[in-house]
């Protein structure tokens, strides 16, 4: 069975779209799927915040809704300023340990980008956990030791440089896909 490693961040509306492409195609049932939080590019490269450029930010504000609607997803402008993503990332690592990484990542991404909810709010994260099928008593703050370091090591291994990013590893033959539009190609090839 081929491995499919996917890199995402809750900050990106494009990550949300890419995750939905994977879920809709059922790729988690056809491949050994692993999800990893992306926080910085491989090789110690500087993280170039796309929203630091005013023209690029204006473009994203035009393009993200267009691509979200094309994917058939609801969109609602997220809260500003940006939330502290730490709680959502820790909760994702907990969900991943329960085998619910993809449904949890989708629920949190939908909460942020489809409902403008504050994903730093513990109540919002509990709702997302319930939607993803986690046990009601799951401690969403108890991320496994080394989870973030493991994600960073995976980023280095695959040379990820942005999100969404995926690697389809078919036993020595690796194909990389960057950008939610390339995830449509990933679905064609891996579906």
N, C-alpha and C. Protein backbone atom coordinates (compact mmCIF):
# COMPACT_ATOMS: atom_id res chain seq x y z
N UNK A 1 0.86 -1.18 0.00
CA UNK A 1 0.00 0.00 0.00
C UNK A 1 0.90 1.24 0.00
N UNK A 2 0.60 2.17 -0.89
CA UNK A 2 1.38 3.40 -0.98
C UNK A 2 1.15 4.27 0.25
N UNK A 3 2.18 5.03 0.59
CA UNK A 3 2.06 6.00 1.68
C UNK A 3 1.66 7.35 1.09
N UNK A 4 0.80 8.04 1.80
CA UNK A 4 0.40 9.39 1.42
C UNK A 4 0.62 10.28 2.64
N UNK A 5 1.62 11.15 2.55
CA UNK A 5 1.93 12.08 3.64
C UNK A 5 1.43 13.47 3.23
N UNK A 6 0.63 14.06 4.10
CA UNK A 6 0.01 15.35 3.80
C UNK A 6 0.39 16.36 4.87
N UNK A 7 0.79 17.54 4.41
CA UNK A 7 1.19 18.64 5.29
C UNK A 7 0.15 19.75 5.17
N UNK A 8 -0.25 20.28 6.32
CA UNK A 8 -1.31 21.28 6.34
C UNK A 8 -1.08 22.22 7.52
N UNK A 9 -1.86 23.29 7.54
CA UNK A 9 -1.92 24.17 8.71
C UNK A 9 -3.31 24.79 8.75
N UNK A 10 -3.82 24.97 9.96
CA UNK A 10 -5.16 25.54 10.12
C UNK A 10 -5.21 26.99 9.66
N UNK A 11 -4.07 27.62 9.49
CA UNK A 11 -4.00 29.01 9.06
C UNK A 11 -4.42 29.18 7.60
N UNK A 12 -4.30 28.10 6.83
CA UNK A 12 -4.47 28.20 5.39
C UNK A 12 -5.85 27.74 4.91
N UNK A 13 -6.58 28.61 4.20
CA UNK A 13 -7.84 28.16 3.62
C UNK A 13 -7.60 27.12 2.53
N UNK A 14 -6.43 27.16 1.92
CA UNK A 14 -6.10 26.20 0.87
C UNK A 14 -5.84 24.81 1.46
N UNK A 15 -5.29 24.75 2.66
CA UNK A 15 -5.14 23.45 3.33
C UNK A 15 -6.50 22.81 3.52
N UNK A 16 -7.46 23.60 3.92
CA UNK A 16 -8.82 23.07 4.12
C UNK A 16 -9.34 22.43 2.83
N UNK A 17 -9.17 23.13 1.73
CA UNK A 17 -9.65 22.60 0.45
C UNK A 17 -8.93 21.30 0.10
N UNK A 18 -7.61 21.29 0.28
CA UNK A 18 -6.84 20.08 0.00
C UNK A 18 -7.27 18.90 0.84
N UNK A 19 -7.51 19.13 2.13
CA UNK A 19 -7.98 18.06 3.01
C UNK A 19 -9.34 17.53 2.57
N UNK A 20 -10.21 18.42 2.12
CA UNK A 20 -11.52 17.98 1.64
C UNK A 20 -11.38 17.14 0.36
N UNK A 21 -10.45 17.50 -0.52
CA UNK A 21 -10.22 16.67 -1.72
C UNK A 21 -9.85 15.25 -1.31
N UNK A 22 -8.95 15.13 -0.34
CA UNK A 22 -8.50 13.81 0.13
C UNK A 22 -9.66 13.03 0.73
N UNK A 23 -10.44 13.68 1.58
CA UNK A 23 -11.55 12.99 2.25
C UNK A 23 -12.63 12.58 1.25
N UNK A 24 -12.97 13.47 0.33
CA UNK A 24 -14.03 13.15 -0.64
C UNK A 24 -13.64 11.97 -1.53
N UNK A 25 -12.34 11.86 -1.84
CA UNK A 25 -11.87 10.77 -2.69
C UNK A 25 -11.64 9.48 -1.90
N UNK A 26 -11.73 9.57 -0.57
CA UNK A 26 -11.51 8.39 0.26
C UNK A 26 -10.07 7.90 0.23
N UNK A 27 -9.11 8.81 0.01
CA UNK A 27 -7.72 8.39 -0.11
C UNK A 27 -7.18 7.78 1.18
N UNK A 28 -7.77 8.14 2.32
CA UNK A 28 -7.32 7.57 3.59
C UNK A 28 -7.64 6.08 3.68
N UNK A 29 -8.55 5.61 2.84
CA UNK A 29 -8.90 4.18 2.82
C UNK A 29 -8.08 3.43 1.79
N UNK A 30 -7.50 4.14 0.84
CA UNK A 30 -6.76 3.51 -0.25
C UNK A 30 -5.25 3.54 -0.04
N UNK A 31 -4.80 4.39 0.86
CA UNK A 31 -3.36 4.58 1.09
C UNK A 31 -3.10 4.72 2.58
N UNK A 32 -1.86 4.48 2.97
CA UNK A 32 -1.45 4.70 4.36
C UNK A 32 -1.27 6.21 4.53
N UNK A 33 -2.31 6.87 5.01
CA UNK A 33 -2.32 8.33 5.14
C UNK A 33 -1.73 8.76 6.46
N UNK A 34 -0.84 9.75 6.40
CA UNK A 34 -0.37 10.41 7.62
C UNK A 34 -0.45 11.91 7.39
N UNK A 35 -0.97 12.60 8.40
CA UNK A 35 -1.10 14.06 8.35
C UNK A 35 -0.06 14.68 9.26
N UNK A 36 0.51 15.80 8.82
CA UNK A 36 1.55 16.48 9.58
C UNK A 36 1.29 17.98 9.55
N UNK A 37 1.43 18.61 10.70
CA UNK A 37 1.31 20.07 10.79
C UNK A 37 2.60 20.68 10.24
N UNK A 38 2.45 21.63 9.35
CA UNK A 38 3.58 22.34 8.75
C UNK A 38 3.71 23.68 9.45
N UNK A 39 4.88 23.94 10.01
CA UNK A 39 5.10 25.24 10.65
C UNK A 39 6.24 26.04 10.02
N UNK A 40 7.12 25.36 9.28
CA UNK A 40 8.24 26.05 8.64
C UNK A 40 8.78 25.16 7.52
N UNK A 41 9.35 25.77 6.49
CA UNK A 41 9.90 24.98 5.39
C UNK A 41 11.09 24.13 5.80
N UNK A 42 11.35 23.11 5.01
CA UNK A 42 12.50 22.23 5.24
C UNK A 42 13.80 22.99 5.03
N UNK A 43 14.85 22.46 5.61
CA UNK A 43 16.19 23.00 5.38
C UNK A 43 16.47 24.32 6.06
N UNK A 44 15.62 24.71 7.00
CA UNK A 44 15.85 25.96 7.71
C UNK A 44 15.56 27.20 6.87
N UNK A 45 14.89 27.02 5.75
CA UNK A 45 14.55 28.18 4.91
C UNK A 45 13.61 29.10 5.67
N UNK A 46 13.71 30.37 5.37
CA UNK A 46 12.84 31.34 6.02
C UNK A 46 11.39 31.10 5.62
N UNK A 47 10.49 31.28 6.58
CA UNK A 47 9.06 31.18 6.28
C UNK A 47 8.62 32.53 5.74
N UNK A 48 8.18 32.54 4.50
CA UNK A 48 7.72 33.77 3.88
C UNK A 48 6.21 33.85 4.05
N UNK A 49 5.79 34.66 4.99
CA UNK A 49 4.38 34.80 5.30
C UNK A 49 3.67 35.44 4.12
N UNK A 50 2.77 34.70 3.47
CA UNK A 50 2.13 35.26 2.28
C UNK A 50 1.29 36.50 2.56
N UNK A 51 0.82 36.66 3.78
CA UNK A 51 -0.01 37.83 4.07
C UNK A 51 0.81 39.07 4.42
N UNK A 52 2.14 38.95 4.43
CA UNK A 52 2.98 40.13 4.64
C UNK A 52 2.99 41.03 3.41
N UNK A 53 2.71 40.48 2.26
CA UNK A 53 2.64 41.24 1.03
C UNK A 53 1.20 41.70 0.84
N UNK A 54 0.98 43.02 0.82
CA UNK A 54 -0.39 43.53 0.68
C UNK A 54 -1.03 43.10 -0.64
N UNK A 55 -0.31 43.16 -1.77
CA UNK A 55 -0.94 42.67 -3.01
C UNK A 55 -1.29 41.18 -2.94
N UNK A 56 -0.41 40.39 -2.34
CA UNK A 56 -0.70 38.96 -2.24
C UNK A 56 -1.87 38.71 -1.29
N UNK A 57 -1.94 39.46 -0.20
CA UNK A 57 -3.06 39.31 0.73
C UNK A 57 -4.37 39.66 0.03
N UNK A 58 -4.37 40.75 -0.75
CA UNK A 58 -5.59 41.11 -1.49
C UNK A 58 -5.98 39.99 -2.46
N UNK A 59 -4.97 39.40 -3.11
CA UNK A 59 -5.25 38.30 -4.02
C UNK A 59 -5.84 37.10 -3.28
N UNK A 60 -5.25 36.75 -2.14
CA UNK A 60 -5.76 35.61 -1.36
C UNK A 60 -7.19 35.87 -0.92
N UNK A 61 -7.49 37.12 -0.54
CA UNK A 61 -8.85 37.45 -0.10
C UNK A 61 -9.85 37.34 -1.26
N UNK A 62 -9.38 37.48 -2.48
CA UNK A 62 -10.23 37.29 -3.66
C UNK A 62 -10.28 35.81 -4.05
N UNK A 63 -9.12 35.16 -4.02
CA UNK A 63 -9.01 33.79 -4.53
C UNK A 63 -9.53 32.72 -3.58
N UNK A 64 -9.27 32.86 -2.29
CA UNK A 64 -9.68 31.82 -1.33
C UNK A 64 -11.20 31.58 -1.37
N UNK A 65 -12.02 32.63 -1.34
CA UNK A 65 -13.46 32.38 -1.45
C UNK A 65 -13.85 31.73 -2.79
N UNK A 66 -13.21 32.18 -3.86
CA UNK A 66 -13.51 31.61 -5.18
C UNK A 66 -13.19 30.11 -5.21
N UNK A 67 -12.02 29.72 -4.72
CA UNK A 67 -11.63 28.32 -4.74
C UNK A 67 -12.44 27.49 -3.73
N UNK A 68 -12.81 28.12 -2.63
CA UNK A 68 -13.62 27.42 -1.63
C UNK A 68 -15.00 27.12 -2.19
N UNK A 69 -15.60 28.11 -2.85
CA UNK A 69 -16.92 27.89 -3.45
C UNK A 69 -16.84 26.88 -4.59
N UNK A 70 -15.75 26.90 -5.34
CA UNK A 70 -15.55 25.91 -6.40
C UNK A 70 -15.51 24.51 -5.82
N UNK A 71 -14.97 24.37 -4.62
CA UNK A 71 -14.90 23.07 -3.95
C UNK A 71 -16.23 22.71 -3.28
N UNK A 72 -17.21 23.61 -3.35
CA UNK A 72 -18.52 23.33 -2.77
C UNK A 72 -18.56 23.46 -1.26
N UNK A 73 -17.67 24.26 -0.71
CA UNK A 73 -17.60 24.43 0.74
C UNK A 73 -18.10 25.81 1.14
N UNK A 74 -18.72 25.92 2.31
CA UNK A 74 -19.10 27.25 2.79
C UNK A 74 -17.87 28.03 3.22
N UNK A 75 -17.96 29.33 3.11
CA UNK A 75 -16.85 30.17 3.59
C UNK A 75 -17.42 31.36 4.33
N UNK A 76 -16.76 31.67 5.43
CA UNK A 76 -17.10 32.85 6.22
C UNK A 76 -15.77 33.44 6.67
N UNK A 77 -15.57 34.73 6.49
CA UNK A 77 -14.29 35.33 6.87
C UNK A 77 -13.93 34.99 8.31
N UNK A 78 -12.69 34.52 8.53
CA UNK A 78 -12.28 34.16 9.88
C UNK A 78 -12.06 35.38 10.76
N UNK A 79 -11.98 35.12 12.03
CA UNK A 79 -11.76 36.18 13.01
C UNK A 79 -10.37 36.78 12.83
N UNK A 80 -10.28 38.03 13.11
CA UNK A 80 -8.98 38.72 13.15
C UNK A 80 -8.85 39.30 14.54
N UNK A 81 -7.74 39.39 15.17
CA UNK A 81 -6.47 38.89 14.65
C UNK A 81 -6.45 37.37 14.61
N UNK A 82 -5.39 36.85 14.04
CA UNK A 82 -5.29 35.39 13.94
C UNK A 82 -5.31 34.78 15.33
N UNK A 83 -5.90 33.60 15.43
CA UNK A 83 -5.93 32.93 16.73
C UNK A 83 -4.56 32.37 17.08
N UNK A 84 -4.40 31.99 18.32
CA UNK A 84 -3.23 31.22 18.73
C UNK A 84 -3.51 29.79 18.26
N UNK A 85 -2.72 29.31 17.34
CA UNK A 85 -2.96 27.99 16.77
C UNK A 85 -2.48 26.85 17.67
N UNK A 86 -1.76 27.17 18.73
CA UNK A 86 -1.17 26.14 19.59
C UNK A 86 -2.17 25.14 20.13
N UNK A 87 -3.32 25.61 20.60
CA UNK A 87 -4.32 24.69 21.17
C UNK A 87 -4.89 23.77 20.10
N UNK A 88 -5.16 24.30 18.92
CA UNK A 88 -5.71 23.48 17.84
C UNK A 88 -4.69 22.45 17.36
N UNK A 89 -3.43 22.85 17.31
CA UNK A 89 -2.38 21.91 16.88
C UNK A 89 -2.20 20.81 17.92
N UNK A 90 -2.18 21.17 19.20
CA UNK A 90 -2.07 20.15 20.25
C UNK A 90 -3.25 19.19 20.18
N UNK A 91 -4.44 19.73 20.00
CA UNK A 91 -5.63 18.89 19.92
C UNK A 91 -5.58 17.99 18.68
N UNK A 92 -5.05 18.51 17.58
CA UNK A 92 -4.88 17.66 16.39
C UNK A 92 -3.97 16.48 16.71
N UNK A 93 -2.87 16.74 17.41
CA UNK A 93 -1.95 15.64 17.74
C UNK A 93 -2.64 14.59 18.61
N UNK A 94 -3.51 15.03 19.50
CA UNK A 94 -4.30 14.08 20.31
C UNK A 94 -5.22 13.28 19.39
N UNK A 95 -5.93 13.98 18.51
CA UNK A 95 -6.86 13.30 17.59
C UNK A 95 -6.12 12.31 16.70
N UNK A 96 -4.94 12.68 16.26
CA UNK A 96 -4.16 11.78 15.40
C UNK A 96 -3.83 10.49 16.15
N UNK A 97 -3.53 10.61 17.45
CA UNK A 97 -3.25 9.42 18.26
C UNK A 97 -4.48 8.51 18.36
N UNK A 98 -5.65 9.09 18.33
CA UNK A 98 -6.90 8.32 18.38
C UNK A 98 -7.28 7.78 16.99
N UNK A 99 -6.49 8.09 15.98
CA UNK A 99 -6.82 7.64 14.63
C UNK A 99 -7.85 8.52 13.94
N UNK A 100 -8.04 9.72 14.46
CA UNK A 100 -9.06 10.63 13.92
C UNK A 100 -8.44 11.94 13.43
N UNK A 101 -7.19 11.86 12.96
CA UNK A 101 -6.51 13.08 12.51
C UNK A 101 -7.22 13.79 11.39
N UNK A 102 -7.60 13.06 10.34
CA UNK A 102 -8.25 13.70 9.20
C UNK A 102 -9.61 14.28 9.56
N UNK A 103 -10.51 13.52 10.20
CA UNK A 103 -11.80 14.15 10.52
C UNK A 103 -11.66 15.33 11.48
N UNK A 104 -10.69 15.28 12.39
CA UNK A 104 -10.50 16.41 13.30
C UNK A 104 -9.95 17.61 12.54
N UNK A 105 -8.96 17.39 11.68
CA UNK A 105 -8.39 18.50 10.90
C UNK A 105 -9.47 19.15 10.03
N UNK A 106 -10.34 18.33 9.46
CA UNK A 106 -11.44 18.87 8.67
C UNK A 106 -12.40 19.68 9.54
N UNK A 107 -12.75 19.15 10.71
CA UNK A 107 -13.69 19.86 11.59
C UNK A 107 -13.13 21.20 12.03
N UNK A 108 -11.84 21.24 12.39
CA UNK A 108 -11.23 22.50 12.83
C UNK A 108 -11.11 23.47 11.66
N UNK A 109 -10.68 22.97 10.51
CA UNK A 109 -10.57 23.84 9.33
C UNK A 109 -11.92 24.40 8.94
N UNK A 110 -12.96 23.57 9.01
CA UNK A 110 -14.31 24.05 8.70
C UNK A 110 -14.79 25.06 9.74
N UNK A 111 -14.44 24.84 11.00
CA UNK A 111 -14.83 25.80 12.05
C UNK A 111 -14.19 27.16 11.77
N UNK A 112 -12.91 27.15 11.41
CA UNK A 112 -12.20 28.42 11.18
C UNK A 112 -12.65 29.08 9.88
N UNK A 113 -12.65 28.34 8.79
CA UNK A 113 -12.86 28.95 7.48
C UNK A 113 -14.29 28.89 6.99
N UNK A 114 -15.11 28.01 7.55
CA UNK A 114 -16.49 27.90 7.11
C UNK A 114 -17.49 28.53 8.06
N UNK A 115 -17.05 28.74 9.33
CA UNK A 115 -17.97 29.28 10.33
C UNK A 115 -17.40 30.47 11.10
N UNK A 116 -16.16 30.86 10.81
CA UNK A 116 -15.48 31.97 11.50
C UNK A 116 -15.42 31.77 13.00
N UNK A 117 -15.27 30.53 13.43
CA UNK A 117 -15.17 30.26 14.87
C UNK A 117 -13.73 30.41 15.34
N UNK A 118 -13.58 30.70 16.61
CA UNK A 118 -12.26 30.88 17.22
C UNK A 118 -11.71 29.51 17.59
N UNK A 119 -10.76 29.01 16.81
CA UNK A 119 -10.24 27.67 17.05
C UNK A 119 -9.25 27.61 18.20
N UNK A 120 -9.05 28.71 18.89
CA UNK A 120 -8.29 28.69 20.14
C UNK A 120 -9.22 28.45 21.33
N UNK A 121 -10.52 28.52 21.11
CA UNK A 121 -11.51 28.34 22.17
C UNK A 121 -11.67 26.85 22.47
N UNK A 122 -11.46 26.44 23.73
CA UNK A 122 -11.58 25.01 24.08
C UNK A 122 -12.95 24.42 23.76
N UNK A 123 -14.01 25.21 23.87
CA UNK A 123 -15.35 24.70 23.55
C UNK A 123 -15.48 24.38 22.05
N UNK A 124 -14.90 25.23 21.22
CA UNK A 124 -14.91 24.98 19.77
C UNK A 124 -14.14 23.70 19.48
N UNK A 125 -12.98 23.54 20.12
CA UNK A 125 -12.17 22.34 19.88
C UNK A 125 -12.88 21.08 20.38
N UNK A 126 -13.60 21.18 21.50
CA UNK A 126 -14.37 20.03 21.99
C UNK A 126 -15.46 19.64 21.00
N UNK A 127 -16.12 20.64 20.43
CA UNK A 127 -17.14 20.37 19.42
C UNK A 127 -16.51 19.67 18.21
N UNK A 128 -15.36 20.15 17.78
CA UNK A 128 -14.66 19.53 16.65
C UNK A 128 -14.26 18.10 16.99
N UNK A 129 -13.81 17.88 18.22
CA UNK A 129 -13.43 16.53 18.65
C UNK A 129 -14.62 15.59 18.61
N UNK A 130 -15.77 16.07 19.06
CA UNK A 130 -16.98 15.25 19.03
C UNK A 130 -17.37 14.92 17.58
N UNK A 131 -17.27 15.92 16.70
CA UNK A 131 -17.58 15.69 15.28
C UNK A 131 -16.64 14.65 14.66
N UNK A 132 -15.40 14.62 15.15
CA UNK A 132 -14.39 13.70 14.61
C UNK A 132 -14.47 12.32 15.25
N UNK A 133 -15.33 12.17 16.26
CA UNK A 133 -15.51 10.86 16.88
C UNK A 133 -14.57 10.56 18.03
N UNK A 134 -13.92 11.57 18.59
CA UNK A 134 -13.07 11.33 19.75
C UNK A 134 -13.92 11.05 20.98
N UNK A 135 -13.39 10.29 21.93
CA UNK A 135 -14.13 10.06 23.18
C UNK A 135 -14.40 11.38 23.89
N UNK A 136 -15.54 11.49 24.54
CA UNK A 136 -15.92 12.75 25.17
C UNK A 136 -14.93 13.19 26.24
N UNK A 137 -14.22 12.29 26.85
CA UNK A 137 -13.27 12.67 27.90
C UNK A 137 -11.86 12.90 27.42
N UNK A 138 -11.64 12.90 26.11
CA UNK A 138 -10.28 13.07 25.59
C UNK A 138 -9.72 14.42 26.00
N UNK A 139 -8.51 14.41 26.56
CA UNK A 139 -7.83 15.64 26.97
C UNK A 139 -7.13 16.22 25.74
N UNK A 140 -7.71 17.25 25.18
CA UNK A 140 -7.20 17.83 23.94
C UNK A 140 -5.93 18.64 24.14
N UNK A 141 -5.53 18.82 25.38
CA UNK A 141 -4.29 19.56 25.65
C UNK A 141 -3.11 18.62 25.82
N UNK A 142 -3.36 17.32 25.86
CA UNK A 142 -2.32 16.33 26.16
C UNK A 142 -1.71 15.76 24.89
N UNK A 143 -1.09 16.62 24.09
CA UNK A 143 -0.44 16.15 22.87
C UNK A 143 0.69 15.19 23.24
N UNK A 144 0.85 14.13 22.48
CA UNK A 144 1.92 13.18 22.77
C UNK A 144 3.29 13.86 22.72
N UNK A 145 4.17 13.47 23.61
CA UNK A 145 5.53 14.01 23.62
C UNK A 145 6.18 13.73 22.27
N UNK A 146 6.81 14.73 21.73
CA UNK A 146 7.53 14.57 20.48
C UNK A 146 6.69 14.66 19.22
N UNK A 147 5.39 14.93 19.35
CA UNK A 147 4.53 14.97 18.17
C UNK A 147 4.95 16.08 17.20
N UNK A 148 5.24 17.25 17.73
CA UNK A 148 5.64 18.36 16.86
C UNK A 148 7.00 18.08 16.24
N UNK A 149 7.91 17.51 17.01
CA UNK A 149 9.23 17.17 16.48
C UNK A 149 9.11 16.14 15.36
N UNK A 150 8.18 15.20 15.50
CA UNK A 150 7.96 14.20 14.45
C UNK A 150 7.44 14.87 13.18
N UNK A 151 6.55 15.84 13.33
CA UNK A 151 6.05 16.57 12.16
C UNK A 151 7.19 17.33 11.48
N UNK A 152 8.03 17.97 12.29
CA UNK A 152 9.16 18.72 11.73
C UNK A 152 10.13 17.79 11.01
N UNK A 153 10.36 16.60 11.56
CA UNK A 153 11.24 15.62 10.91
C UNK A 153 10.65 15.16 9.57
N UNK A 154 9.34 14.99 9.53
CA UNK A 154 8.68 14.59 8.28
C UNK A 154 8.81 15.69 7.23
N UNK A 155 8.65 16.95 7.67
CA UNK A 155 8.83 18.09 6.75
C UNK A 155 10.22 18.04 6.13
N UNK A 156 11.23 17.80 6.97
CA UNK A 156 12.61 17.71 6.48
C UNK A 156 12.77 16.55 5.51
N UNK A 157 12.24 15.40 5.87
CA UNK A 157 12.37 14.19 5.04
C UNK A 157 11.79 14.41 3.65
N UNK A 158 10.63 15.05 3.59
CA UNK A 158 9.94 15.21 2.31
C UNK A 158 10.24 16.53 1.61
N UNK A 159 10.94 17.44 2.28
CA UNK A 159 11.25 18.72 1.66
C UNK A 159 10.04 19.60 1.46
N UNK A 160 9.08 19.51 2.37
CA UNK A 160 7.87 20.34 2.27
C UNK A 160 8.25 21.81 2.43
N UNK A 161 7.60 22.67 1.66
CA UNK A 161 7.93 24.09 1.71
C UNK A 161 6.71 24.99 1.80
N UNK A 162 5.53 24.44 1.83
CA UNK A 162 4.31 25.23 1.94
C UNK A 162 3.13 24.29 2.14
N UNK A 163 1.94 24.86 2.21
CA UNK A 163 0.74 24.04 2.39
C UNK A 163 -0.35 24.46 1.42
N UNK A 164 -1.21 23.52 1.09
CA UNK A 164 -1.10 22.10 1.39
C UNK A 164 -0.04 21.45 0.52
N UNK A 165 0.56 20.42 1.05
CA UNK A 165 1.66 19.72 0.38
C UNK A 165 1.46 18.23 0.63
N UNK A 166 1.67 17.42 -0.38
CA UNK A 166 1.50 15.98 -0.21
C UNK A 166 2.60 15.23 -0.93
N UNK A 167 2.93 14.07 -0.39
CA UNK A 167 3.89 13.17 -1.01
C UNK A 167 3.22 11.81 -1.15
N UNK A 168 3.12 11.34 -2.37
CA UNK A 168 2.63 10.00 -2.65
C UNK A 168 3.86 9.13 -2.85
N UNK A 169 4.10 8.23 -1.90
CA UNK A 169 5.30 7.39 -1.88
C UNK A 169 4.88 5.96 -2.20
N UNK A 170 5.20 5.54 -3.40
CA UNK A 170 4.81 4.20 -3.86
C UNK A 170 6.02 3.28 -3.90
N UNK A 171 6.67 3.13 -2.73
CA UNK A 171 7.80 2.21 -2.64
C UNK A 171 9.00 2.64 -3.45
N UNK A 172 9.48 3.81 -3.19
CA UNK A 172 10.66 4.31 -3.88
C UNK A 172 10.36 5.38 -4.91
N UNK A 173 9.19 5.35 -5.48
CA UNK A 173 8.77 6.38 -6.42
C UNK A 173 7.94 7.40 -5.66
N UNK A 174 8.48 8.62 -5.55
CA UNK A 174 7.79 9.67 -4.80
C UNK A 174 7.34 10.77 -5.75
N UNK A 175 6.08 11.16 -5.59
CA UNK A 175 5.55 12.30 -6.32
C UNK A 175 5.09 13.33 -5.31
N UNK A 176 5.43 14.59 -5.56
CA UNK A 176 5.06 15.68 -4.66
C UNK A 176 3.99 16.55 -5.31
N UNK A 177 3.11 17.07 -4.45
CA UNK A 177 2.00 17.91 -4.89
C UNK A 177 1.90 19.10 -3.95
N UNK A 178 1.97 20.31 -4.49
CA UNK A 178 1.87 21.51 -3.67
C UNK A 178 0.72 22.36 -4.19
N UNK A 179 -0.15 22.75 -3.29
CA UNK A 179 -1.27 23.61 -3.63
C UNK A 179 -2.54 22.80 -3.80
N UNK A 180 -3.64 23.38 -3.34
CA UNK A 180 -4.91 22.65 -3.37
C UNK A 180 -5.32 22.27 -4.79
N UNK A 181 -4.93 23.06 -5.78
CA UNK A 181 -5.26 22.70 -7.16
C UNK A 181 -4.51 21.45 -7.61
N UNK A 182 -3.30 21.24 -7.09
CA UNK A 182 -2.55 20.03 -7.41
C UNK A 182 -3.13 18.81 -6.69
N UNK A 183 -3.89 19.05 -5.62
CA UNK A 183 -4.53 17.93 -4.93
C UNK A 183 -5.59 17.28 -5.82
N UNK A 184 -6.14 18.03 -6.75
CA UNK A 184 -7.06 17.44 -7.72
C UNK A 184 -6.32 16.42 -8.57
N UNK A 185 -5.08 16.74 -8.97
CA UNK A 185 -4.25 15.80 -9.72
C UNK A 185 -3.87 14.61 -8.84
N UNK A 186 -3.55 14.87 -7.59
CA UNK A 186 -3.25 13.79 -6.65
C UNK A 186 -4.41 12.80 -6.58
N UNK A 187 -5.62 13.32 -6.49
CA UNK A 187 -6.80 12.46 -6.43
C UNK A 187 -6.92 11.62 -7.70
N UNK A 188 -6.65 12.23 -8.86
CA UNK A 188 -6.71 11.48 -10.12
C UNK A 188 -5.70 10.34 -10.13
N UNK A 189 -4.48 10.61 -9.67
CA UNK A 189 -3.42 9.61 -9.72
C UNK A 189 -3.53 8.56 -8.62
N UNK A 190 -3.99 8.98 -7.45
CA UNK A 190 -4.00 8.07 -6.29
C UNK A 190 -5.36 7.46 -6.02
N UNK A 191 -6.40 8.01 -6.66
CA UNK A 191 -7.75 7.54 -6.39
C UNK A 191 -8.03 6.24 -7.06
